[in-house]
């Protein structure tokens, strides 16, 4: 089963050198343990473009789809045998990046 672990932030580009080092160690361990699928950080929400293609012509809007204090700053995709393992990975990731995270299984 694969799980999306979303990193929640309220400040852009706020990762410290020690947080980045801890994330690198965490990522290496997740890879070594066979849980790693993919991960990435995301640019500031102001760089987003929302596209609504439901009409006759697509509508492009600059900026995030919703104005909010918190936003998705990055993510991991993990392979785990069950939710308990995914939650343990997410807790370790949260500690490494010093941010709250959300865990959701893929359908």
PDB file of N, CA and C in Angstrom:
ATOM      1  N   UNK A   1       0.849  -1.181   0.000  1.00  0.00           N
ATOM      2  CA  UNK A   1       0.000   0.000   0.000  1.00  0.00           C
ATOM      3  C   UNK A   1       0.886   1.232   0.000  1.00  0.00           C
ATOM      4  N   UNK A   2       0.471   2.243  -0.731  1.00  0.00           N
ATOM      5  CA  UNK A   2       1.226   3.490  -0.754  1.00  0.00           C
ATOM      6  C   UNK A   2       0.480   4.579   0.005  1.00  0.00           C
ATOM      7  N   UNK A   3       1.261   5.440   0.651  1.00  0.00           N
ATOM      8  CA  UNK A   3       0.711   6.520   1.470  1.00  0.00           C
ATOM      9  C   UNK A   3       1.368   7.834   1.093  1.00  0.00           C
ATOM     10  N   UNK A   4       0.555   8.882   1.037  1.00  0.00           N
ATOM     11  CA  UNK A   4       1.047  10.239   0.835  1.00  0.00           C
ATOM     12  C   UNK A   4       1.191  10.886   2.204  1.00  0.00           C
ATOM     13  N   UNK A   5       2.377  11.378   2.486  1.00  0.00           N
ATOM     14  CA  UNK A   5       2.622  12.119   3.721  1.00  0.00           C
ATOM     15  C   UNK A   5       2.879  13.561   3.304  1.00  0.00           C
ATOM     16  N   UNK A   6       1.928  14.430   3.607  1.00  0.00           N
ATOM     17  CA  UNK A   6       2.001  15.844   3.228  1.00  0.00           C
ATOM     18  C   UNK A   6       2.612  16.651   4.361  1.00  0.00           C
ATOM     19  N   UNK A   7       3.569  17.484   4.037  1.00  0.00           N
ATOM     20  CA  UNK A   7       4.211  18.355   5.024  1.00  0.00           C
ATOM     21  C   UNK A   7       3.466  19.675   5.047  1.00  0.00           C
ATOM     22  N   UNK A   8       3.029  20.076   6.227  1.00  0.00           N
ATOM     23  CA  UNK A   8       2.228  21.284   6.406  1.00  0.00           C
ATOM     24  C   UNK A   8       3.126  22.388   6.966  1.00  0.00           C
ATOM     25  N   UNK A   9       3.112  23.538   6.323  1.00  0.00           N
ATOM     26  CA  UNK A   9       3.936  24.665   6.774  1.00  0.00           C
ATOM     27  C   UNK A   9       3.105  25.935   6.783  1.00  0.00           C
ATOM     28  N   UNK A  10       3.622  26.938   7.466  1.00  0.00           N
ATOM     29  CA  UNK A  10       2.966  28.244   7.465  1.00  0.00           C
ATOM     30  C   UNK A  10       3.941  29.356   7.109  1.00  0.00           C
ATOM     31  N   UNK A  11       5.157  28.971   6.692  1.00  0.00           N
ATOM     32  CA  UNK A  11       6.187  29.911   6.277  1.00  0.00           C
ATOM     33  C   UNK A  11       6.925  29.316   5.088  1.00  0.00           C
ATOM     34  N   UNK A  12       7.169  30.088   4.063  1.00  0.00           N
ATOM     35  CA  UNK A  12       7.890  29.599   2.889  1.00  0.00           C
ATOM     36  C   UNK A  12       9.392  29.595   3.130  1.00  0.00           C
ATOM     37  N   UNK A  13      10.041  28.596   2.557  1.00  0.00           N
ATOM     38  CA  UNK A  13      11.512  28.502   2.599  1.00  0.00           C
ATOM     39  C   UNK A  13      12.070  28.702   4.000  1.00  0.00           C
ATOM     40  N   UNK A  14      11.435  28.080   4.984  1.00  0.00           N
ATOM     41  CA  UNK A  14      11.840  28.291   6.368  1.00  0.00           C
ATOM     42  C   UNK A  14      12.697  27.159   6.924  1.00  0.00           C
ATOM     43  N   UNK A  15      13.017  26.170   6.108  1.00  0.00           N
ATOM     44  CA  UNK A  15      13.817  25.042   6.585  1.00  0.00           C
ATOM     45  C   UNK A  15      15.227  25.472   6.968  1.00  0.00           C
ATOM     46  N   UNK A  16      15.641  25.063   8.155  1.00  0.00           N
ATOM     47  CA  UNK A  16      16.989  25.391   8.627  1.00  0.00           C
ATOM     48  C   UNK A  16      17.974  24.336   8.118  1.00  0.00           C
ATOM     49  N   UNK A  17      19.239  24.636   8.236  1.00  0.00           N
ATOM     50  CA  UNK A  17      20.278  23.686   7.815  1.00  0.00           C
ATOM     51  C   UNK A  17      20.183  22.391   8.611  1.00  0.00           C
ATOM     52  N   UNK A  18      19.909  22.493   9.904  1.00  0.00           N
ATOM     53  CA  UNK A  18      19.807  21.274  10.719  1.00  0.00           C
ATOM     54  C   UNK A  18      18.564  20.464  10.348  1.00  0.00           C
ATOM     55  N   UNK A  19      17.463  21.140  10.003  1.00  0.00           N
ATOM     56  CA  UNK A  19      16.268  20.415   9.547  1.00  0.00           C
ATOM     57  C   UNK A  19      16.539  19.707   8.225  1.00  0.00           C
ATOM     58  N   UNK A  20      17.216  20.385   7.311  1.00  0.00           N
ATOM     59  CA  UNK A  20      17.528  19.772   6.019  1.00  0.00           C
ATOM     60  C   UNK A  20      18.436  18.558   6.200  1.00  0.00           C
ATOM     61  N   UNK A  21      19.397  18.651   7.110  1.00  0.00           N
ATOM     62  CA  UNK A  21      20.283  17.517   7.390  1.00  0.00           C
ATOM     63  C   UNK A  21      19.497  16.352   7.989  1.00  0.00           C
ATOM     64  N   UNK A  22      18.573  16.656   8.898  1.00  0.00           N
ATOM     65  CA  UNK A  22      17.753  15.602   9.506  1.00  0.00           C
ATOM     66  C   UNK A  22      16.851  14.941   8.465  1.00  0.00           C
ATOM     67  N   UNK A  23      16.338  15.725   7.540  1.00  0.00           N
ATOM     68  CA  UNK A  23      15.504  15.173   6.460  1.00  0.00           C
ATOM     69  C   UNK A  23      16.342  14.247   5.578  1.00  0.00           C
ATOM     70  N   UNK A  24      17.569  14.640   5.271  1.00  0.00           N
ATOM     71  CA  UNK A  24      18.449  13.790   4.462  1.00  0.00           C
ATOM     72  C   UNK A  24      18.697  12.445   5.147  1.00  0.00           C
ATOM     73  N   UNK A  25      18.930  12.461   6.456  1.00  0.00           N
ATOM     74  CA  UNK A  25      19.136  11.223   7.212  1.00  0.00           C
ATOM     75  C   UNK A  25      17.863  10.382   7.195  1.00  0.00           C
ATOM     76  N   UNK A  26      16.727  11.023   7.428  1.00  0.00           N
ATOM     77  CA  UNK A  26      15.446  10.309   7.402  1.00  0.00           C
ATOM     78  C   UNK A  26      15.194   9.693   6.029  1.00  0.00           C
ATOM     79  N   UNK A  27      15.412  10.465   4.968  1.00  0.00           N
ATOM     80  CA  UNK A  27      15.204   9.963   3.605  1.00  0.00           C
ATOM     81  C   UNK A  27      16.091   8.756   3.317  1.00  0.00           C
ATOM     82  N   UNK A  28      17.351   8.829   3.721  1.00  0.00           N
ATOM     83  CA  UNK A  28      18.280   7.715   3.492  1.00  0.00           C
ATOM     84  C   UNK A  28      17.806   6.461   4.211  1.00  0.00           C
ATOM     85  N   UNK A  29      17.293   6.620   5.422  1.00  0.00           N
ATOM     86  CA  UNK A  29      16.798   5.456   6.172  1.00  0.00           C
ATOM     87  C   UNK A  29      15.544   4.877   5.526  1.00  0.00           C
ATOM     88  N   UNK A  30      14.639   5.747   5.072  1.00  0.00           N
ATOM     89  CA  UNK A  30      13.416   5.272   4.399  1.00  0.00           C
ATOM     90  C   UNK A  30      13.776   4.506   3.128  1.00  0.00           C
ATOM     91  N   UNK A  31      14.792   4.977   2.417  1.00  0.00           N
ATOM     92  CA  UNK A  31      15.247   4.276   1.215  1.00  0.00           C
ATOM     93  C   UNK A  31      15.858   2.927   1.582  1.00  0.00           C
ATOM     94  N   UNK A  32      16.715   2.919   2.595  1.00  0.00           N
ATOM     95  CA  UNK A  32      17.379   1.684   3.025  1.00  0.00           C
ATOM     96  C   UNK A  32      16.375   0.644   3.508  1.00  0.00           C
ATOM     97  N   UNK A  33      15.292   1.103   4.124  1.00  0.00           N
ATOM     98  CA  UNK A  33      14.263   0.194   4.658  1.00  0.00           C
ATOM     99  C   UNK A  33      13.244  -0.236   3.606  1.00  0.00           C
ATOM    100  N   UNK A  34      13.362   0.299   2.386  1.00  0.00           N
ATOM    101  CA  UNK A  34      12.470  -0.098   1.302  1.00  0.00           C
ATOM    102  C   UNK A  34      11.109   0.580   1.297  1.00  0.00           C
ATOM    103  N   UNK A  35      10.969   1.685   2.041  1.00  0.00           N
ATOM    104  CA  UNK A  35       9.679   2.392   2.091  1.00  0.00           C
ATOM    105  C   UNK A  35       9.599   3.537   1.086  1.00  0.00           C
ATOM    106  N   UNK A  36      10.737   4.006   0.620  1.00  0.00           N
ATOM    107  CA  UNK A  36      10.817   5.180  -0.242  1.00  0.00           C
ATOM    108  C   UNK A  36      10.198   4.915  -1.606  1.00  0.00           C
ATOM    109  N   UNK A  37       9.306   5.790  -2.039  1.00  0.00           N
ATOM    110  CA  UNK A  37       8.806   5.783  -3.403  1.00  0.00           C
ATOM    111  C   UNK A  37       9.219   7.078  -4.090  1.00  0.00           C
ATOM    112  N   UNK A  38       8.885   8.202  -3.467  1.00  0.00           N
ATOM    113  CA  UNK A  38       9.173   9.503  -4.064  1.00  0.00           C
ATOM    114  C   UNK A  38       8.969  10.570  -3.006  1.00  0.00           C
ATOM    115  N   UNK A  39       9.659  11.696  -3.142  1.00  0.00           N
ATOM    116  CA  UNK A  39       9.469  12.826  -2.239  1.00  0.00           C
ATOM    117  C   UNK A  39       9.882  14.101  -2.944  1.00  0.00           C
ATOM    118  N   UNK A  40       9.401  15.214  -2.435  1.00  0.00           N
ATOM    119  CA  UNK A  40       9.797  16.493  -2.996  1.00  0.00           C
ATOM    120  C   UNK A  40       9.295  17.649  -2.173  1.00  0.00           C
ATOM    121  N   UNK A  41      10.017  18.737  -2.264  1.00  0.00           N
ATOM    122  CA  UNK A  41       9.573  19.991  -1.675  1.00  0.00           C
ATOM    123  C   UNK A  41       8.878  20.813  -2.745  1.00  0.00           C
ATOM    124  N   UNK A  42       8.033  21.710  -2.319  1.00  0.00           N
ATOM    125  CA  UNK A  42       7.273  22.531  -3.258  1.00  0.00           C
ATOM    126  C   UNK A  42       7.620  24.008  -3.105  1.00  0.00           C
ATOM    127  N   UNK A  43       7.559  24.718  -4.215  1.00  0.00           N
ATOM    128  CA  UNK A  43       7.804  26.159  -4.200  1.00  0.00           C
ATOM    129  C   UNK A  43       6.677  26.869  -3.447  1.00  0.00           C
ATOM    130  N   UNK A  44       6.909  28.111  -3.147  1.00  0.00           N
ATOM    131  CA  UNK A  44       5.944  28.957  -2.439  1.00  0.00           C
ATOM    132  C   UNK A  44       4.573  28.904  -3.111  1.00  0.00           C
ATOM    133  N   UNK A  45       3.485  28.910  -2.333  1.00  0.00           N
ATOM    134  CA  UNK A  45       2.140  28.873  -2.923  1.00  0.00           C
ATOM    135  C   UNK A  45       1.873  30.008  -3.914  1.00  0.00           C
ATOM    136  N   UNK A  46       2.552  31.130  -3.762  1.00  0.00           N
ATOM    137  CA  UNK A  46       2.354  32.248  -4.686  1.00  0.00           C
ATOM    138  C   UNK A  46       2.773  31.895  -6.113  1.00  0.00           C
ATOM    139  N   UNK A  47       3.565  30.841  -6.276  1.00  0.00           N
ATOM    140  CA  UNK A  47       4.002  30.426  -7.609  1.00  0.00           C
ATOM    141  C   UNK A  47       2.986  29.516  -8.299  1.00  0.00           C
ATOM    142  N   UNK A  48       1.928  29.171  -7.611  1.00  0.00           N
ATOM    143  CA  UNK A  48       0.935  28.229  -8.143  1.00  0.00           C
ATOM    144  C   UNK A  48       0.071  28.865  -9.234  1.00  0.00           C
ATOM    145  N   UNK A  49      -0.447  28.019 -10.099  1.00  0.00           N
ATOM    146  CA  UNK A  49      -1.456  28.409 -11.078  1.00  0.00           C
ATOM    147  C   UNK A  49      -2.584  27.402 -10.980  1.00  0.00           C
ATOM    148  N   UNK A  50      -3.797  27.885 -10.835  1.00  0.00           N
ATOM    149  CA  UNK A  50      -4.978  27.027 -10.783  1.00  0.00           C
ATOM    150  C   UNK A  50      -5.615  27.016 -12.175  1.00  0.00           C
ATOM    151  N   UNK A  51      -5.940  25.830 -12.659  1.00  0.00           N
ATOM    152  CA  UNK A  51      -6.563  25.682 -13.977  1.00  0.00           C
ATOM    153  C   UNK A  51      -7.917  25.032 -13.803  1.00  0.00           C
ATOM    154  N   UNK A  52      -8.935  25.670 -14.357  1.00  0.00           N
ATOM    155  CA  UNK A  52     -10.288  25.103 -14.371  1.00  0.00           C
ATOM    156  C   UNK A  52     -10.636  24.796 -15.822  1.00  0.00           C
ATOM    157  N   UNK A  53     -10.557  23.528 -16.174  1.00  0.00           N
ATOM    158  CA  UNK A  53     -10.820  23.103 -17.537  1.00  0.00           C
ATOM    159  C   UNK A  53     -12.205  22.529 -17.740  1.00  0.00           C
ATOM    160  N   UNK A  54     -13.123  22.843 -16.850  1.00  0.00           N
ATOM    161  CA  UNK A  54     -14.468  22.268 -16.946  1.00  0.00           C
ATOM    162  C   UNK A  54     -15.342  22.934 -17.989  1.00  0.00           C
ATOM    163  N   UNK A  55     -15.018  24.135 -18.391  1.00  0.00           N
ATOM    164  CA  UNK A  55     -15.838  24.862 -19.367  1.00  0.00           C
ATOM    165  C   UNK A  55     -15.345  24.646 -20.780  1.00  0.00           C
ATOM    166  N   UNK A  56     -15.868  25.449 -21.680  1.00  0.00           N
ATOM    167  CA  UNK A  56     -15.489  25.357 -23.086  1.00  0.00           C
ATOM    168  C   UNK A  56     -14.016  25.687 -23.283  1.00  0.00           C
ATOM    169  N   UNK A  57     -13.509  26.628 -22.498  1.00  0.00           N
ATOM    170  CA  UNK A  57     -12.102  27.019 -22.543  1.00  0.00           C
ATOM    171  C   UNK A  57     -11.544  26.961 -21.121  1.00  0.00           C
ATOM    172  N   UNK A  58     -10.301  26.514 -20.959  1.00  0.00           N
ATOM    173  CA  UNK A  58      -9.725  26.495 -19.610  1.00  0.00           C
ATOM    174  C   UNK A  58      -9.485  27.904 -19.081  1.00  0.00           C
ATOM    175  N   UNK A  59      -9.668  28.063 -17.777  1.00  0.00           N
ATOM    176  CA  UNK A  59      -9.427  29.340 -17.104  1.00  0.00           C
ATOM    177  C   UNK A  59      -8.200  29.159 -16.215  1.00  0.00           C
ATOM    178  N   UNK A  60      -7.213  30.051 -16.387  1.00  0.00           N
ATOM    179  CA  UNK A  60      -5.980  30.006 -15.621  1.00  0.00           C
ATOM    180  C   UNK A  60      -5.978  31.161 -14.628  1.00  0.00           C
ATOM    181  N   UNK A  61      -5.708  30.842 -13.345  1.00  0.00           N
ATOM    182  CA  UNK A  61      -5.684  31.851 -12.301  1.00  0.00           C
ATOM    183  C   UNK A  61      -4.369  31.743 -11.540  1.00  0.00           C
ATOM    184  N   UNK A  62      -3.658  32.855 -11.410  1.00  0.00           N
ATOM    185  CA  UNK A  62      -2.408  32.851 -10.653  1.00  0.00           C
ATOM    186  C   UNK A  62      -2.702  32.738  -9.171  1.00  0.00           C
ATOM    187  N   UNK A  63      -1.821  32.047  -8.477  1.00  0.00           N
ATOM    188  CA  UNK A  63      -1.926  31.925  -7.029  1.00  0.00           C
ATOM    189  C   UNK A  63      -2.569  30.628  -6.603  1.00  0.00           C
ATOM    190  N   UNK A  64      -2.537  30.355  -5.300  1.00  0.00           N
ATOM    191  CA  UNK A  64      -3.082  29.089  -4.786  1.00  0.00           C
ATOM    192  C   UNK A  64      -4.597  29.027  -4.936  1.00  0.00           C
ATOM    193  N   UNK A  65      -5.130  27.795  -4.897  1.00  0.00           N
ATOM    194  CA  UNK A  65      -6.568  27.631  -5.079  1.00  0.00           C
ATOM    195  C   UNK A  65      -7.355  28.135  -3.884  1.00  0.00           C
ATOM    196  N   UNK A  66      -6.709  28.269  -2.748  1.00  0.00           N
ATOM    197  CA  UNK A  66      -7.382  28.807  -1.568  1.00  0.00           C
ATOM    198  C   UNK A  66      -6.369  29.623  -0.764  1.00  0.00           C
ATOM    199  N   UNK A  67      -6.790  30.754  -0.282  1.00  0.00           N
ATOM    200  CA  UNK A  67      -5.931  31.576   0.564  1.00  0.00           C
ATOM    201  C   UNK A  67      -6.024  31.044   1.984  1.00  0.00           C
ATOM    202  N   UNK A  68      -4.891  30.654   2.525  1.00  0.00           N
ATOM    203  CA  UNK A  68      -4.861  30.095   3.863  1.00  0.00           C
ATOM    204  C   UNK A  68      -3.494  30.338   4.479  1.00  0.00           C
ATOM    205  N   UNK A  69      -3.421  30.295   5.795  1.00  0.00           N
ATOM    206  CA  UNK A  69      -2.150  30.495   6.474  1.00  0.00           C
ATOM    207  C   UNK A  69      -1.237  29.296   6.277  1.00  0.00           C
ATOM    208  N   UNK A  70      -1.802  28.084   6.309  1.00  0.00           N
ATOM    209  CA  UNK A  70      -1.009  26.870   6.155  1.00  0.00           C
ATOM    210  C   UNK A  70      -1.125  26.346   4.726  1.00  0.00           C
ATOM    211  N   UNK A  71      -0.094  25.644   4.301  1.00  0.00           N
ATOM    212  CA  UNK A  71      -0.072  25.152   2.930  1.00  0.00           C
ATOM    213  C   UNK A  71       0.794  23.903   2.844  1.00  0.00           C
ATOM    214  N   UNK A  72       0.686  23.212   1.734  1.00  0.00           N
ATOM    215  CA  UNK A  72       1.480  22.026   1.459  1.00  0.00           C
ATOM    216  C   UNK A  72       2.880  22.470   1.031  1.00  0.00           C
ATOM    217  N   UNK A  73       3.875  22.135   1.852  1.00  0.00           N
ATOM    218  CA  UNK A  73       5.246  22.568   1.578  1.00  0.00           C
ATOM    219  C   UNK A  73       6.083  21.485   0.910  1.00  0.00           C
ATOM    220  N   UNK A  74       5.646  20.252   1.030  1.00  0.00           N
ATOM    221  CA  UNK A  74       6.373  19.133   0.460  1.00  0.00           C
ATOM    222  C   UNK A  74       5.632  17.848   0.768  1.00  0.00           C
ATOM    223  N   UNK A  75       6.218  16.739   0.350  1.00  0.00           N
ATOM    224  CA  UNK A  75       5.529  15.462   0.547  1.00  0.00           C
ATOM    225  C   UNK A  75       6.499  14.303   0.417  1.00  0.00           C
ATOM    226  N   UNK A  76       6.079  13.178   0.958  1.00  0.00           N
ATOM    227  CA  UNK A  76       6.719  11.892   0.734  1.00  0.00           C
ATOM    228  C   UNK A  76       5.645  10.939   0.234  1.00  0.00           C
ATOM    229  N   UNK A  77       6.029  10.008  -0.587  1.00  0.00           N
ATOM    230  CA  UNK A  77       5.182   8.864  -0.924  1.00  0.00           C
ATOM    231  C   UNK A  77       5.937   7.645  -0.428  1.00  0.00           C
ATOM    232  N   UNK A  78       5.306   6.895   0.473  1.00  0.00           N
ATOM    233  CA  UNK A  78       5.923   5.713   1.063  1.00  0.00           C
ATOM    234  C   UNK A  78       5.159   4.454   0.703  1.00  0.00           C
ATOM    235  N   UNK A  79       5.886   3.375   0.612  1.00  0.00           N
ATOM    236  CA  UNK A  79       5.314   2.039   0.496  1.00  0.00           C
ATOM    237  C   UNK A  79       5.372   1.455   1.905  1.00  0.00           C
ATOM    238  N   UNK A  80       4.222   1.018   2.406  1.00  0.00           N
ATOM    239  CA  UNK A  80       4.163   0.436   3.751  1.00  0.00           C
ATOM    240  C   UNK A  80       3.126  -0.685   3.759  1.00  0.00           C
ATOM    241  N   UNK A  81       3.352  -1.720   4.559  1.00  0.00           N
ATOM    242  CA  UNK A  81       2.415  -2.845   4.578  1.00  0.00           C
ATOM    243  C   UNK A  81       1.058  -2.504   5.183  1.00  0.00           C
ATOM    244  N   UNK A  82       1.022  -1.460   6.039  1.00  0.00           N
ATOM    245  CA  UNK A  82      -0.241  -1.089   6.668  1.00  0.00           C
ATOM    246  C   UNK A  82      -0.153   0.332   7.221  1.00  0.00           C
ATOM    247  N   UNK A  83      -1.284   0.831   7.708  1.00  0.00           N
ATOM    248  CA  UNK A  83      -1.363   2.200   8.212  1.00  0.00           C
ATOM    249  C   UNK A  83      -0.446   2.412   9.413  1.00  0.00           C
ATOM    250  N   UNK A  84      -0.305   1.421  10.282  1.00  0.00           N
ATOM    251  CA  UNK A  84       0.550   1.592  11.458  1.00  0.00           C
ATOM    252  C   UNK A  84       1.989   1.903  11.065  1.00  0.00           C
ATOM    253  N   UNK A  85       2.506   1.194  10.074  1.00  0.00           N
ATOM    254  CA  UNK A  85       3.869   1.459   9.602  1.00  0.00           C
ATOM    255  C   UNK A  85       3.934   2.847   8.965  1.00  0.00           C
ATOM    256  N   UNK A  86       2.926   3.202   8.166  1.00  0.00           N
ATOM    257  CA  UNK A  86       2.887   4.521   7.540  1.00  0.00           C
ATOM    258  C   UNK A  86       2.869   5.630   8.597  1.00  0.00           C
ATOM    259  N   UNK A  87       2.118   5.424   9.669  1.00  0.00           N
ATOM    260  CA  UNK A  87       2.057   6.433  10.734  1.00  0.00           C
ATOM    261  C   UNK A  87       3.398   6.574  11.449  1.00  0.00           C
ATOM    262  N   UNK A  88       4.099   5.464  11.654  1.00  0.00           N
ATOM    263  CA  UNK A  88       5.424   5.532  12.280  1.00  0.00           C
ATOM    264  C   UNK A  88       6.399   6.275  11.369  1.00  0.00           C
ATOM    265  N   UNK A  89       6.345   6.000  10.071  1.00  0.00           N
ATOM    266  CA  UNK A  89       7.187   6.729   9.124  1.00  0.00           C
ATOM    267  C   UNK A  89       6.855   8.217   9.150  1.00  0.00           C
ATOM    268  N   UNK A  90       5.576   8.538   9.148  1.00  0.00           N
ATOM    269  CA  UNK A  90       5.140   9.934   9.157  1.00  0.00           C
ATOM    270  C   UNK A  90       5.587  10.642  10.432  1.00  0.00           C
ATOM    271  N   UNK A  91       5.514   9.962  11.562  1.00  0.00           N
ATOM    272  CA  UNK A  91       5.960  10.568  12.822  1.00  0.00           C
ATOM    273  C   UNK A  91       7.452  10.870  12.769  1.00  0.00           C
ATOM    274  N   UNK A  92       8.238   9.950  12.216  1.00  0.00           N
ATOM    275  CA  UNK A  92       9.680  10.178  12.090  1.00  0.00           C
ATOM    276  C   UNK A  92       9.964  11.305  11.093  1.00  0.00           C
ATOM    277  N   UNK A  93       9.196  11.362  10.015  1.00  0.00           N
ATOM    278  CA  UNK A  93       9.353  12.443   9.047  1.00  0.00           C
ATOM    279  C   UNK A  93       8.995  13.791   9.644  1.00  0.00           C
ATOM    280  N   UNK A  94       7.931  13.814  10.437  1.00  0.00           N
ATOM    281  CA  UNK A  94       7.509  15.044  11.107  1.00  0.00           C
ATOM    282  C   UNK A  94       8.603  15.554  12.034  1.00  0.00           C
ATOM    283  N   UNK A  95       9.205  14.635  12.764  1.00  0.00           N
ATOM    284  CA  UNK A  95      10.296  15.017  13.663  1.00  0.00           C
ATOM    285  C   UNK A  95      11.485  15.550  12.872  1.00  0.00           C
ATOM    286  N   UNK A  96      11.819  14.870  11.768  1.00  0.00           N
ATOM    287  CA  UNK A  96      12.976  15.274  10.963  1.00  0.00           C
ATOM    288  C   UNK A  96      12.797  16.669  10.367  1.00  0.00           C
ATOM    289  N   UNK A  97      11.619  16.935   9.816  1.00  0.00           N
ATOM    290  CA  UNK A  97      11.412  18.232   9.153  1.00  0.00           C
ATOM    291  C   UNK A  97      10.877  19.309  10.097  1.00  0.00           C
ATOM    292  N   UNK A  98      10.520  18.901  11.322  1.00  0.00           N
ATOM    293  CA  UNK A  98      10.029  19.840  12.336  1.00  0.00           C
ATOM    294  C   UNK A  98       8.753  20.552  11.879  1.00  0.00           C
ATOM    295  N   UNK A  99       7.884  19.783  11.215  1.00  0.00           N
ATOM    296  CA  UNK A  99       6.606  20.307  10.732  1.00  0.00           C
ATOM    297  C   UNK A  99       5.523  19.262  11.010  1.00  0.00           C
ATOM    298  N   UNK A 100       4.278  19.717  11.031  1.00  0.00           N
ATOM    299  CA  UNK A 100       3.165  18.767  11.096  1.00  0.00           C
ATOM    300  C   UNK A 100       3.035  18.094   9.737  1.00  0.00           C
ATOM    301  N   UNK A 101       2.512  16.878   9.748  1.00  0.00           N
ATOM    302  CA  UNK A 101       2.287  16.161   8.497  1.00  0.00           C
ATOM    303  C   UNK A 101       0.909  15.523   8.519  1.00  0.00           C
ATOM    304  N   UNK A 102       0.407  15.202   7.343  1.00  0.00           N
ATOM    305  CA  UNK A 102      -0.866  14.498   7.191  1.00  0.00           C
ATOM    306  C   UNK A 102      -0.598  13.230   6.393  1.00  0.00           C
ATOM    307  N   UNK A 103      -1.198  12.127   6.812  1.00  0.00           N
ATOM    308  CA  UNK A 103      -1.038  10.833   6.128  1.00  0.00           C
ATOM    309  C   UNK A 103      -2.354  10.454   5.460  1.00  0.00           C
ATOM    310  N   UNK A 104      -2.262  10.077   4.171  1.00  0.00           N
ATOM    311  CA  UNK A 104      -3.454   9.608   3.452  1.00  0.00           C
ATOM    312  C   UNK A 104      -3.058   8.447   2.544  1.00  0.00           C
ATOM    313  N   UNK A 105      -3.843   7.376   2.570  1.00  0.00           N
ATOM    314  CA  UNK A 105      -3.546   6.265   1.665  1.00  0.00           C
ATOM    315  C   UNK A 105      -3.995   6.601   0.254  1.00  0.00           C
ATOM    316  N   UNK A 106      -3.282   6.050  -0.732  1.00  0.00           N
ATOM    317  CA  UNK A 106      -3.735   6.133  -2.108  1.00  0.00           C
ATOM    318  C   UNK A 106      -4.873   5.158  -2.302  1.00  0.00           C
ATOM    319  N   UNK A 107      -5.790   5.474  -3.191  1.00  0.00           N
ATOM    320  CA  UNK A 107      -6.894   4.557  -3.501  1.00  0.00           C
ATOM    321  C   UNK A 107      -6.407   3.428  -4.369  1.00  0.00           C
TER     322      UNK A 107
END
